[in-house]
């Protein structure tokens, strides 16, 4: 199907920005949770987990002007000053893709695993929910439970769950949990903006995987996206799914999603990030 990659990238930045912006004030102070915009480039940092690049991320590197106007350089320096490993996401087929990747390559960054965007229209899914699974929508103040499922299911430290706790009830967000035979075991969220819905924070406790919870959560969100008159639904799938990416990929494809484009992730070389070198030559 046709889609607007600029709109998808903009919503993907908001998806992450909202999580960081909702962090409690004490976490901002004690754990170094910050979000900063540099033109079209966005940087999010969780300094307490400085060694986990997928938590500390720069987005928008391939947008127009990101390199020429110095915004990518500013974001990289901002991250460097906070002494964290970070992942720089470069979306394919955007106006500044080649320029951003050349800029990163010349400064010693290396390309690693990335994200894939999956897209579909907002038609109703032809999926059946197993009777032993119940899907509940969370309201304001009901994030307890979803936070620890998201952290554990995504392979993140439990403290990272504070990024998800206050999302239920936030404007334009819909958050759901799945109960398997009465036990809370999975979660999934959705951000809706200008007729586009992004699915994310898909996590299932390890002992409950393979029972259809994630597929049931996808089904429910597609139904709600249809009710909200969305025309496009997308999801990102990458290296943060803690070993469950093949199952989620299968579920997305089963639900009618098609692969759209990649977001390539760049990082400092391992020997630089390990502290064995002070930096890399600027070529």
Foldseek 3Di string as FASTA:
>chain_A
DDDDVVVVLVVVVVVQVLLLVQFDPVQCVPQVFDWDFQDQKIWTDRLNPQEDAVRTEIGDLQAPPCVVVCVVVVRVVVNVVSLGWHKYWQWPPHNRRVVSVVQCVLFAKDWDWWKWKWKDWLDAFPDDDDPQKDKDKDAAQRQVLLLQQLCVQLVHPSVSSSSRRGQHHPPQKIKMFMAGNNHTFWIKMWGDDPQEIEIDSTGGHPVCPPVCRSLVNVNVVSVVSVVVNHTMYMYMAIDRSVPCRVVVVVSSVSRPIDTDTIIIIITHDPCCSVVVDVGGDND
